[in-house]
Amino acid sequence: MGKYTCQRPIHPGELLKEEIECRHLPQTRLAAQTGISYKVLNDILNCRRPLSTNTAMLFEAALGVNARLLMRMQLDYNMQLATRDKSFMERLAQVRKYAALL
């Protein structure tokens, strides 16, 4: 299935949550500082919401965590989840099968 099936997907929220916990930074304060709603911030930190480019850049400005790193983590997370979706993988196999006939 490819390189994305070997390890547990790591959502960038895990890294960010660890970072703010190490700094003893309350989520409410970070939300206010970045202009991100508390609910959105909490969803990202608890891996329930994907990170957008704009949000990654806000985290970089507030915490100094590289936005490109965060976006690469999000991309890898998305790719790993896609490879674990049996229905999607079957669809992908069908597309590849038909593409080989072209």
PDB file of N, CA and C in Angstrom:
ATOM      1  N   MET A   1       0.798  -1.206   0.000  1.00  0.00           N
ATOM      2  CA  MET A   1       0.000   0.000   0.000  1.00  0.00           C
ATOM      3  C   MET A   1       0.837   1.265   0.000  1.00  0.00           C
ATOM      4  N   GLY A   2       2.115   1.171   0.275  1.00  0.00           N
ATOM      5  CA  GLY A   2       2.946   2.358   0.216  1.00  0.00           C
ATOM      6  C   GLY A   2       3.533   2.722   1.560  1.00  0.00           C
ATOM      7  N   LYS A   3       4.250   3.817   1.551  1.00  0.00           N
ATOM      8  CA  LYS A   3       4.986   4.212   2.746  1.00  0.00           C
ATOM      9  C   LYS A   3       4.111   4.729   3.875  1.00  0.00           C
ATOM     10  N   TYR A   4       2.853   5.028   3.618  1.00  0.00           N
ATOM     11  CA  TYR A   4       2.006   5.644   4.631  1.00  0.00           C
ATOM     12  C   TYR A   4       1.340   4.642   5.565  1.00  0.00           C
ATOM     13  N   THR A   5       1.586   3.356   5.399  1.00  0.00           N
ATOM     14  CA  THR A   5       0.918   2.365   6.231  1.00  0.00           C
ATOM     15  C   THR A   5       1.799   1.850   7.361  1.00  0.00           C
ATOM     16  N   CYS A   6       3.040   2.251   7.425  1.00  0.00           N
ATOM     17  CA  CYS A   6       3.993   1.678   8.379  1.00  0.00           C
ATOM     18  C   CYS A   6       3.885   2.246   9.786  1.00  0.00           C
ATOM     19  N   GLN A   7       3.393   3.429   9.929  1.00  0.00           N
ATOM     20  CA  GLN A   7       3.399   4.050  11.244  1.00  0.00           C
ATOM     21  C   GLN A   7       2.049   4.679  11.553  1.00  0.00           C
ATOM     22  N   ARG A   8       1.856   4.958  12.830  1.00  0.00           N
ATOM     23  CA  ARG A   8       0.627   5.614  13.275  1.00  0.00           C
ATOM     24  C   ARG A   8       0.634   7.048  12.763  1.00  0.00           C
ATOM     25  N   PRO A   9      -0.477   7.472  12.167  1.00  0.00           N
ATOM     26  CA  PRO A   9      -0.511   8.864  11.708  1.00  0.00           C
ATOM     27  C   PRO A   9      -0.429   9.828  12.892  1.00  0.00           C
ATOM     28  N   ILE A  10       0.344  10.875  12.726  1.00  0.00           N
ATOM     29  CA  ILE A  10       0.505  11.877  13.790  1.00  0.00           C
ATOM     30  C   ILE A  10      -0.106  13.188  13.311  1.00  0.00           C
ATOM     31  N   HIS A  11      -1.153  13.563  13.974  1.00  0.00           N
ATOM     32  CA  HIS A  11      -1.836  14.820  13.663  1.00  0.00           C
ATOM     33  C   HIS A  11      -0.991  15.968  14.221  1.00  0.00           C
ATOM     34  N   PRO A  12      -0.890  17.091  13.490  1.00  0.00           N
ATOM     35  CA  PRO A  12      -0.089  18.210  14.012  1.00  0.00           C
ATOM     36  C   PRO A  12      -0.605  18.749  15.340  1.00  0.00           C
ATOM     37  N   GLY A  13      -1.874  18.515  15.625  1.00  0.00           N
ATOM     38  CA  GLY A  13      -2.424  18.938  16.908  1.00  0.00           C
ATOM     39  C   GLY A  13      -1.715  18.301  18.093  1.00  0.00           C
ATOM     40  N   GLU A  14      -1.214  17.073  17.912  1.00  0.00           N
ATOM     41  CA  GLU A  14      -0.476  16.407  18.991  1.00  0.00           C
ATOM     42  C   GLU A  14       0.783  17.195  19.353  1.00  0.00           C
ATOM     43  N   LEU A  15       1.515  17.618  18.333  1.00  0.00           N
ATOM     44  CA  LEU A  15       2.733  18.403  18.549  1.00  0.00           C
ATOM     45  C   LEU A  15       2.397  19.742  19.193  1.00  0.00           C
ATOM     46  N   LEU A  16       1.371  20.392  18.678  1.00  0.00           N
ATOM     47  CA  LEU A  16       0.984  21.698  19.207  1.00  0.00           C
ATOM     48  C   LEU A  16       0.502  21.602  20.656  1.00  0.00           C
ATOM     49  N   LYS A  17      -0.264  20.573  20.946  1.00  0.00           N
ATOM     50  CA  LYS A  17      -0.760  20.387  22.316  1.00  0.00           C
ATOM     51  C   LYS A  17       0.403  20.179  23.280  1.00  0.00           C
ATOM     52  N   GLU A  18       1.362  19.356  22.868  1.00  0.00           N
ATOM     53  CA  GLU A  18       2.537  19.129  23.706  1.00  0.00           C
ATOM     54  C   GLU A  18       3.302  20.441  23.919  1.00  0.00           C
ATOM     55  N   GLU A  19       3.423  21.228  22.866  1.00  0.00           N
ATOM     56  CA  GLU A  19       4.143  22.502  22.944  1.00  0.00           C
ATOM     57  C   GLU A  19       3.483  23.459  23.927  1.00  0.00           C
ATOM     58  N   ILE A  20       2.172  23.606  23.833  1.00  0.00           N
ATOM     59  CA  ILE A  20       1.525  24.568  24.737  1.00  0.00           C
ATOM     60  C   ILE A  20       1.485  24.038  26.173  1.00  0.00           C
ATOM     61  N   GLU A  21       1.428  22.713  26.337  1.00  0.00           N
ATOM     62  CA  GLU A  21       1.475  22.150  27.695  1.00  0.00           C
ATOM     63  C   GLU A  21       2.841  22.371  28.323  1.00  0.00           C
ATOM     64  N   CYS A  22       3.896  22.203  27.528  1.00  0.00           N
ATOM     65  CA  CYS A  22       5.260  22.439  28.035  1.00  0.00           C
ATOM     66  C   CYS A  22       5.456  23.896  28.454  1.00  0.00           C
ATOM     67  N   ARG A  23       4.787  24.780  27.769  1.00  0.00           N
ATOM     68  CA  ARG A  23       4.891  26.217  28.081  1.00  0.00           C
ATOM     69  C   ARG A  23       3.898  26.656  29.154  1.00  0.00           C
ATOM     70  N   HIS A  24       3.043  25.742  29.589  1.00  0.00           N
ATOM     71  CA  HIS A  24       1.985  26.064  30.559  1.00  0.00           C
ATOM     72  C   HIS A  24       1.125  27.218  30.043  1.00  0.00           C
ATOM     73  N   LEU A  25       0.837  27.165  28.753  1.00  0.00           N
ATOM     74  CA  LEU A  25       0.051  28.206  28.091  1.00  0.00           C
ATOM     75  C   LEU A  25      -1.402  27.747  28.010  1.00  0.00           C
ATOM     76  N   PRO A  26      -2.311  28.461  28.650  1.00  0.00           N
ATOM     77  CA  PRO A  26      -3.721  28.062  28.588  1.00  0.00           C
ATOM     78  C   PRO A  26      -4.266  28.165  27.154  1.00  0.00           C
ATOM     79  N   GLN A  27      -5.109  27.211  26.797  1.00  0.00           N
ATOM     80  CA  GLN A  27      -5.709  27.237  25.461  1.00  0.00           C
ATOM     81  C   GLN A  27      -6.504  28.511  25.235  1.00  0.00           C
ATOM     82  N   THR A  28      -7.160  29.000  26.268  1.00  0.00           N
ATOM     83  CA  THR A  28      -7.948  30.229  26.124  1.00  0.00           C
ATOM     84  C   THR A  28      -7.054  31.414  25.748  1.00  0.00           C
ATOM     85  N   ARG A  29      -5.882  31.453  26.341  1.00  0.00           N
ATOM     86  CA  ARG A  29      -4.943  32.549  26.034  1.00  0.00           C
ATOM     87  C   ARG A  29      -4.422  32.440  24.608  1.00  0.00           C
ATOM     88  N   LEU A  30      -4.065  31.220  24.184  1.00  0.00           N
ATOM     89  CA  LEU A  30      -3.582  31.028  22.817  1.00  0.00           C
ATOM     90  C   LEU A  30      -4.679  31.342  21.811  1.00  0.00           C
ATOM     91  N   ALA A  31      -5.901  30.949  22.123  1.00  0.00           N
ATOM     92  CA  ALA A  31      -7.031  31.249  21.239  1.00  0.00           C
ATOM     93  C   ALA A  31      -7.191  32.760  21.083  1.00  0.00           C
ATOM     94  N   ALA A  32      -7.132  33.464  22.183  1.00  0.00           N
ATOM     95  CA  ALA A  32      -7.268  34.927  22.137  1.00  0.00           C
ATOM     96  C   ALA A  32      -6.106  35.569  21.386  1.00  0.00           C
ATOM     97  N   GLN A  33      -4.901  35.077  21.620  1.00  0.00           N
ATOM     98  CA  GLN A  33      -3.699  35.625  20.990  1.00  0.00           C
ATOM     99  C   GLN A  33      -3.726  35.445  19.478  1.00  0.00           C
ATOM    100  N   THR A  34      -4.249  34.316  19.014  1.00  0.00           N
ATOM    101  CA  THR A  34      -4.231  34.008  17.578  1.00  0.00           C
ATOM    102  C   THR A  34      -5.516  34.410  16.864  1.00  0.00           C
ATOM    103  N   GLY A  35      -6.580  34.674  17.625  1.00  0.00           N
ATOM    104  CA  GLY A  35      -7.859  34.987  17.011  1.00  0.00           C
ATOM    105  C   GLY A  35      -8.597  33.746  16.522  1.00  0.00           C
ATOM    106  N   ILE A  36      -8.170  32.578  16.991  1.00  0.00           N
ATOM    107  CA  ILE A  36      -8.828  31.314  16.667  1.00  0.00           C
ATOM    108  C   ILE A  36      -9.844  31.054  17.779  1.00  0.00           C
ATOM    109  N   SER A  37     -11.045  30.636  17.420  1.00  0.00           N
ATOM    110  CA  SER A  37     -12.027  30.357  18.467  1.00  0.00           C
ATOM    111  C   SER A  37     -11.510  29.220  19.355  1.00  0.00           C
ATOM    112  N   TYR A  38     -11.918  29.243  20.612  1.00  0.00           N
ATOM    113  CA  TYR A  38     -11.483  28.216  21.549  1.00  0.00           C
ATOM    114  C   TYR A  38     -11.888  26.829  21.045  1.00  0.00           C
ATOM    115  N   LYS A  39     -13.110  26.710  20.521  1.00  0.00           N
ATOM    116  CA  LYS A  39     -13.597  25.412  20.031  1.00  0.00           C
ATOM    117  C   LYS A  39     -12.727  24.889  18.899  1.00  0.00           C
ATOM    118  N   VAL A  40     -12.401  25.749  17.926  1.00  0.00           N
ATOM    119  CA  VAL A  40     -11.548  25.332  16.799  1.00  0.00           C
ATOM    120  C   VAL A  40     -10.175  24.928  17.317  1.00  0.00           C
ATOM    121  N   LEU A  41      -9.600  25.739  18.189  1.00  0.00           N
ATOM    122  CA  LEU A  41      -8.286  25.431  18.752  1.00  0.00           C
ATOM    123  C   LEU A  41      -8.317  24.083  19.476  1.00  0.00           C
ATOM    124  N   ASN A  42      -9.316  23.886  20.332  1.00  0.00           N
ATOM    125  CA  ASN A  42      -9.421  22.650  21.078  1.00  0.00           C
ATOM    126  C   ASN A  42      -9.604  21.449  20.150  1.00  0.00           C
ATOM    127  N   ASP A  43     -10.386  21.618  19.095  1.00  0.00           N
ATOM    128  CA  ASP A  43     -10.574  20.534  18.126  1.00  0.00           C
ATOM    129  C   ASP A  43      -9.267  20.182  17.422  1.00  0.00           C
ATOM    130  N   ILE A  44      -8.466  21.185  17.081  1.00  0.00           N
ATOM    131  CA  ILE A  44      -7.171  20.925  16.443  1.00  0.00           C
ATOM    132  C   ILE A  44      -6.244  20.198  17.416  1.00  0.00           C
ATOM    133  N   LEU A  45      -6.157  20.704  18.642  1.00  0.00           N
ATOM    134  CA  LEU A  45      -5.260  20.114  19.633  1.00  0.00           C
ATOM    135  C   LEU A  45      -5.659  18.691  20.005  1.00  0.00           C
ATOM    136  N   ASN A  46      -6.935  18.367  19.856  1.00  0.00           N
ATOM    137  CA  ASN A  46      -7.418  17.019  20.165  1.00  0.00           C
ATOM    138  C   ASN A  46      -7.638  16.194  18.897  1.00  0.00           C
ATOM    139  N   CYS A  47      -7.036  16.649  17.800  1.00  0.00           N
ATOM    140  CA  CYS A  47      -6.986  15.897  16.534  1.00  0.00           C
ATOM    141  C   CYS A  47      -8.355  15.631  15.930  1.00  0.00           C
ATOM    142  N   ARG A  48      -9.301  16.514  16.191  1.00  0.00           N
ATOM    143  CA  ARG A  48     -10.645  16.350  15.628  1.00  0.00           C
ATOM    144  C   ARG A  48     -10.880  17.249  14.424  1.00  0.00           C
ATOM    145  N   ARG A  49      -9.931  18.135  14.143  1.00  0.00           N
ATOM    146  CA  ARG A  49     -10.084  19.083  13.045  1.00  0.00           C
ATOM    147  C   ARG A  49      -8.736  19.208  12.339  1.00  0.00           C
ATOM    148  N   PRO A  50      -8.760  19.244  11.001  1.00  0.00           N
ATOM    149  CA  PRO A  50      -7.489  19.410  10.290  1.00  0.00           C
ATOM    150  C   PRO A  50      -6.950  20.830  10.441  1.00  0.00           C
ATOM    151  N   LEU A  51      -5.674  20.947  10.283  1.00  0.00           N
ATOM    152  CA  LEU A  51      -4.991  22.230  10.344  1.00  0.00           C
ATOM    153  C   LEU A  51      -5.024  22.867   8.960  1.00  0.00           C
ATOM    154  N   SER A  52      -5.396  24.122   8.882  1.00  0.00           N
ATOM    155  CA  SER A  52      -5.357  24.844   7.605  1.00  0.00           C
ATOM    156  C   SER A  52      -4.022  25.579   7.492  1.00  0.00           C
ATOM    157  N   THR A  53      -3.719  26.020   6.305  1.00  0.00           N
ATOM    158  CA  THR A  53      -2.491  26.786   6.087  1.00  0.00           C
ATOM    159  C   THR A  53      -2.481  28.045   6.951  1.00  0.00           C
ATOM    160  N   ASN A  54      -3.607  28.758   6.964  1.00  0.00           N
ATOM    161  CA  ASN A  54      -3.680  29.989   7.756  1.00  0.00           C
ATOM    162  C   ASN A  54      -3.482  29.712   9.240  1.00  0.00           C
ATOM    163  N   THR A  55      -4.096  28.636   9.723  1.00  0.00           N
ATOM    164  CA  THR A  55      -3.959  28.301  11.131  1.00  0.00           C
ATOM    165  C   THR A  55      -2.525  27.914  11.457  1.00  0.00           C
ATOM    166  N   ALA A  56      -1.889  27.163  10.562  1.00  0.00           N
ATOM    167  CA  ALA A  56      -0.484  26.787  10.770  1.00  0.00           C
ATOM    168  C   ALA A  56       0.384  28.043  10.865  1.00  0.00           C
ATOM    169  N   MET A  57       0.107  29.021  10.015  1.00  0.00           N
ATOM    170  CA  MET A  57       0.887  30.261  10.039  1.00  0.00           C
ATOM    171  C   MET A  57       0.632  31.052  11.323  1.00  0.00           C
ATOM    172  N   LEU A  58      -0.596  31.009  11.829  1.00  0.00           N
ATOM    173  CA  LEU A  58      -0.894  31.667  13.106  1.00  0.00           C
ATOM    174  C   LEU A  58      -0.149  30.987  14.255  1.00  0.00           C
ATOM    175  N   PHE A  59      -0.095  29.657  14.234  1.00  0.00           N
ATOM    176  CA  PHE A  59       0.651  28.939  15.265  1.00  0.00           C
ATOM    177  C   PHE A  59       2.140  29.249  15.180  1.00  0.00           C
ATOM    178  N   GLU A  60       2.652  29.371  13.963  1.00  0.00           N
ATOM    179  CA  GLU A  60       4.068  29.717  13.803  1.00  0.00           C
ATOM    180  C   GLU A  60       4.343  31.088  14.411  1.00  0.00           C
ATOM    181  N   ALA A  61       3.462  32.049  14.145  1.00  0.00           N
ATOM    182  CA  ALA A  61       3.642  33.401  14.687  1.00  0.00           C
ATOM    183  C   ALA A  61       3.556  33.403  16.215  1.00  0.00           C
ATOM    184  N   ALA A  62       2.637  32.627  16.759  1.00  0.00           N
ATOM    185  CA  ALA A  62       2.415  32.632  18.209  1.00  0.00           C
ATOM    186  C   ALA A  62       3.408  31.763  18.973  1.00  0.00           C
ATOM    187  N   LEU A  63       3.789  30.622  18.383  1.00  0.00           N
ATOM    188  CA  LEU A  63       4.593  29.649  19.126  1.00  0.00           C
ATOM    189  C   LEU A  63       5.986  29.415  18.558  1.00  0.00           C
ATOM    190  N   GLY A  64       6.213  29.886  17.328  1.00  0.00           N
ATOM    191  CA  GLY A  64       7.510  29.656  16.698  1.00  0.00           C
ATOM    192  C   GLY A  64       7.663  28.265  16.109  1.00  0.00           C
ATOM    193  N   VAL A  65       6.555  27.512  16.024  1.00  0.00           N
ATOM    194  CA  VAL A  65       6.588  26.177  15.421  1.00  0.00           C
ATOM    195  C   VAL A  65       6.421  26.357  13.916  1.00  0.00           C
ATOM    196  N   ASN A  66       7.348  25.825  13.149  1.00  0.00           N
ATOM    197  CA  ASN A  66       7.385  26.029  11.702  1.00  0.00           C
ATOM    198  C   ASN A  66       6.087  25.605  11.026  1.00  0.00           C
ATOM    199  N   ALA A  67       5.465  26.531  10.295  1.00  0.00           N
ATOM    200  CA  ALA A  67       4.191  26.265   9.621  1.00  0.00           C
ATOM    201  C   ALA A  67       4.335  25.187   8.555  1.00  0.00           C
ATOM    202  N   ARG A  68       5.462  25.181   7.854  1.00  0.00           N
ATOM    203  CA  ARG A  68       5.668  24.149   6.821  1.00  0.00           C
ATOM    204  C   ARG A  68       5.740  22.754   7.447  1.00  0.00           C
ATOM    205  N   LEU A  69       6.385  22.646   8.584  1.00  0.00           N
ATOM    206  CA  LEU A  69       6.435  21.374   9.300  1.00  0.00           C
ATOM    207  C   LEU A  69       5.024  20.923   9.671  1.00  0.00           C
ATOM    208  N   LEU A  70       4.242  21.844  10.219  1.00  0.00           N
ATOM    209  CA  LEU A  70       2.872  21.511  10.604  1.00  0.00           C
ATOM    210  C   LEU A  70       2.048  21.067   9.410  1.00  0.00           C
ATOM    211  N   MET A  71       2.209  21.736   8.268  1.00  0.00           N
ATOM    212  CA  MET A  71       1.445  21.371   7.078  1.00  0.00           C
ATOM    213  C   MET A  71       1.909  20.037   6.502  1.00  0.00           C
ATOM    214  N   ARG A  72       3.205  19.756   6.578  1.00  0.00           N
ATOM    215  CA  ARG A  72       3.692  18.439   6.135  1.00  0.00           C
ATOM    216  C   ARG A  72       3.123  17.336   7.023  1.00  0.00           C
ATOM    217  N   MET A  73       3.051  17.609   8.329  1.00  0.00           N
ATOM    218  CA  MET A  73       2.457  16.643   9.250  1.00  0.00           C
ATOM    219  C   MET A  73       0.989  16.405   8.900  1.00  0.00           C
ATOM    220  N   GLN A  74       0.269  17.482   8.584  1.00  0.00           N
ATOM    221  CA  GLN A  74      -1.145  17.353   8.230  1.00  0.00           C
ATOM    222  C   GLN A  74      -1.308  16.547   6.945  1.00  0.00           C
ATOM    223  N   LEU A  75      -0.459  16.831   5.954  1.00  0.00           N
ATOM    224  CA  LEU A  75      -0.510  16.087   4.694  1.00  0.00           C
ATOM    225  C   LEU A  75      -0.228  14.605   4.931  1.00  0.00           C
ATOM    226  N   ASP A  76       0.819  14.293   5.682  1.00  0.00           N
ATOM    227  CA  ASP A  76       1.146  12.899   5.983  1.00  0.00           C
ATOM    228  C   ASP A  76       0.002  12.218   6.734  1.00  0.00           C
ATOM    229  N   TYR A  77      -0.592  12.939   7.671  1.00  0.00           N
ATOM    230  CA  TYR A  77      -1.725  12.411   8.435  1.00  0.00           C
ATOM    231  C   TYR A  77      -2.878  12.078   7.489  1.00  0.00           C
ATOM    232  N   ASN A  78      -3.206  13.024   6.604  1.00  0.00           N
ATOM    233  CA  ASN A  78      -4.295  12.812   5.644  1.00  0.00           C
ATOM    234  C   ASN A  78      -4.015  11.619   4.735  1.00  0.00           C
ATOM    235  N   MET A  79      -2.779  11.512   4.243  1.00  0.00           N
ATOM    236  CA  MET A  79      -2.414  10.413   3.348  1.00  0.00           C
ATOM    237  C   MET A  79      -2.508   9.071   4.075  1.00  0.00           C
ATOM    238  N   GLN A  80      -2.047   9.023   5.313  1.00  0.00           N
ATOM    239  CA  GLN A  80      -2.107   7.777   6.074  1.00  0.00           C
ATOM    240  C   GLN A  80      -3.551   7.356   6.336  1.00  0.00           C
ATOM    241  N   LEU A  81      -4.391   8.328   6.652  1.00  0.00           N
ATOM    242  CA  LEU A  81      -5.796   7.997   6.867  1.00  0.00           C
ATOM    243  C   LEU A  81      -6.449   7.498   5.587  1.00  0.00           C
ATOM    244  N   ALA A  82      -6.116   8.112   4.463  1.00  0.00           N
ATOM    245  CA  ALA A  82      -6.687   7.685   3.178  1.00  0.00           C
ATOM    246  C   ALA A  82      -6.318   6.249   2.865  1.00  0.00           C
ATOM    247  N   THR A  83      -5.076   5.858   3.162  1.00  0.00           N
ATOM    248  CA  THR A  83      -4.646   4.489   2.856  1.00  0.00           C
ATOM    249  C   THR A  83      -5.319   3.463   3.770  1.00  0.00           C
ATOM    250  N   ARG A  84      -5.866   3.908   4.864  1.00  0.00           N
ATOM    251  CA  ARG A  84      -6.560   3.004   5.790  1.00  0.00           C
ATOM    252  C   ARG A  84      -8.051   2.900   5.493  1.00  0.00           C
ATOM    253  N   ASP A  85      -8.524   3.695   4.557  1.00  0.00           N
ATOM    254  CA  ASP A  85      -9.937   3.693   4.164  1.00  0.00           C
ATOM    255  C   ASP A  85     -10.123   2.630   3.080  1.00  0.00           C
ATOM    256  N   LYS A  86     -10.654   1.465   3.470  1.00  0.00           N
ATOM    257  CA  LYS A  86     -10.769   0.331   2.542  1.00  0.00           C
ATOM    258  C   LYS A  86     -11.604   0.683   1.318  1.00  0.00           C
ATOM    259  N   SER A  87     -12.684   1.384   1.513  1.00  0.00           N
ATOM    260  CA  SER A  87     -13.550   1.757   0.401  1.00  0.00           C
ATOM    261  C   SER A  87     -12.800   2.644  -0.595  1.00  0.00           C
ATOM    262  N   PHE A  88     -12.071   3.613  -0.087  1.00  0.00           N
ATOM    263  CA  PHE A  88     -11.305   4.490  -0.970  1.00  0.00           C
ATOM    264  C   PHE A  88     -10.199   3.723  -1.682  1.00  0.00           C
ATOM    265  N   MET A  89      -9.538   2.822  -0.971  1.00  0.00           N
ATOM    266  CA  MET A  89      -8.452   2.051  -1.576  1.00  0.00           C
ATOM    267  C   MET A  89      -8.979   1.142  -2.687  1.00  0.00           C
ATOM    268  N   GLU A  90     -10.185   0.607  -2.507  1.00  0.00           N
ATOM    269  CA  GLU A  90     -10.804  -0.186  -3.580  1.00  0.00           C
ATOM    270  C   GLU A  90     -11.098   0.696  -4.787  1.00  0.00           C
ATOM    271  N   ARG A  91     -11.629   1.868  -4.525  1.00  0.00           N
ATOM    272  CA  ARG A  91     -11.902   2.826  -5.608  1.00  0.00           C
ATOM    273  C   ARG A  91     -10.613   3.203  -6.331  1.00  0.00           C
ATOM    274  N   LEU A  92      -9.568   3.436  -5.583  1.00  0.00           N
ATOM    275  CA  LEU A  92      -8.264   3.789  -6.146  1.00  0.00           C
ATOM    276  C   LEU A  92      -7.726   2.654  -7.021  1.00  0.00           C
ATOM    277  N   ALA A  93      -7.885   1.437  -6.559  1.00  0.00           N
ATOM    278  CA  ALA A  93      -7.446   0.272  -7.337  1.00  0.00           C
ATOM    279  C   ALA A  93      -8.214   0.187  -8.654  1.00  0.00           C
ATOM    280  N   GLN A  94      -9.515   0.475  -8.606  1.00  0.00           N
ATOM    281  CA  GLN A  94     -10.322   0.459  -9.830  1.00  0.00           C
ATOM    282  C   GLN A  94      -9.848   1.537 -10.808  1.00  0.00           C
ATOM    283  N   VAL A  95      -9.570   2.714 -10.309  1.00  0.00           N
ATOM    284  CA  VAL A  95      -9.083   3.802 -11.171  1.00  0.00           C
ATOM    285  C   VAL A  95      -7.761   3.401 -11.808  1.00  0.00           C
ATOM    286  N   ARG A  96      -6.876   2.816 -11.014  1.00  0.00           N
ATOM    287  CA  ARG A  96      -5.586   2.379 -11.557  1.00  0.00           C
ATOM    288  C   ARG A  96      -5.770   1.290 -12.610  1.00  0.00           C
ATOM    289  N   LYS A  97      -6.714   0.389 -12.354  1.00  0.00           N
ATOM    290  CA  LYS A  97      -6.996  -0.687 -13.300  1.00  0.00           C
ATOM    291  C   LYS A  97      -7.470  -0.115 -14.642  1.00  0.00           C
ATOM    292  N   TYR A  98      -8.398   0.826 -14.571  1.00  0.00           N
ATOM    293  CA  TYR A  98      -8.913   1.448 -15.809  1.00  0.00           C
ATOM    294  C   TYR A  98      -7.854   2.307 -16.476  1.00  0.00           C
ATOM    295  N   ALA A  99      -7.040   2.993 -15.695  1.00  0.00           N
ATOM    296  CA  ALA A  99      -5.986   3.842 -16.261  1.00  0.00           C
ATOM    297  C   ALA A  99      -4.949   3.008 -17.012  1.00  0.00           C
ATOM    298  N   ALA A 100      -4.718   1.786 -16.533  1.00  0.00           N
ATOM    299  CA  ALA A 100      -3.737   0.903 -17.186  1.00  0.00           C
ATOM    300  C   ALA A 100      -4.219   0.480 -18.580  1.00  0.00           C
ATOM    301  N   LEU A 101      -5.533   0.506 -18.786  1.00  0.00           N
ATOM    302  CA  LEU A 101      -6.095   0.135 -20.080  1.00  0.00           C
ATOM    303  C   LEU A 101      -6.037   1.260 -21.100  1.00  0.00           C
ATOM    304  N   LEU A 102      -5.802   2.465 -20.650  1.00  0.00           N
ATOM    305  CA  LEU A 102      -5.782   3.617 -21.560  1.00  0.00           C
ATOM    306  C   LEU A 102      -4.517   3.691 -22.374  1.00  0.00           C
TER     307      LEU A 102
END
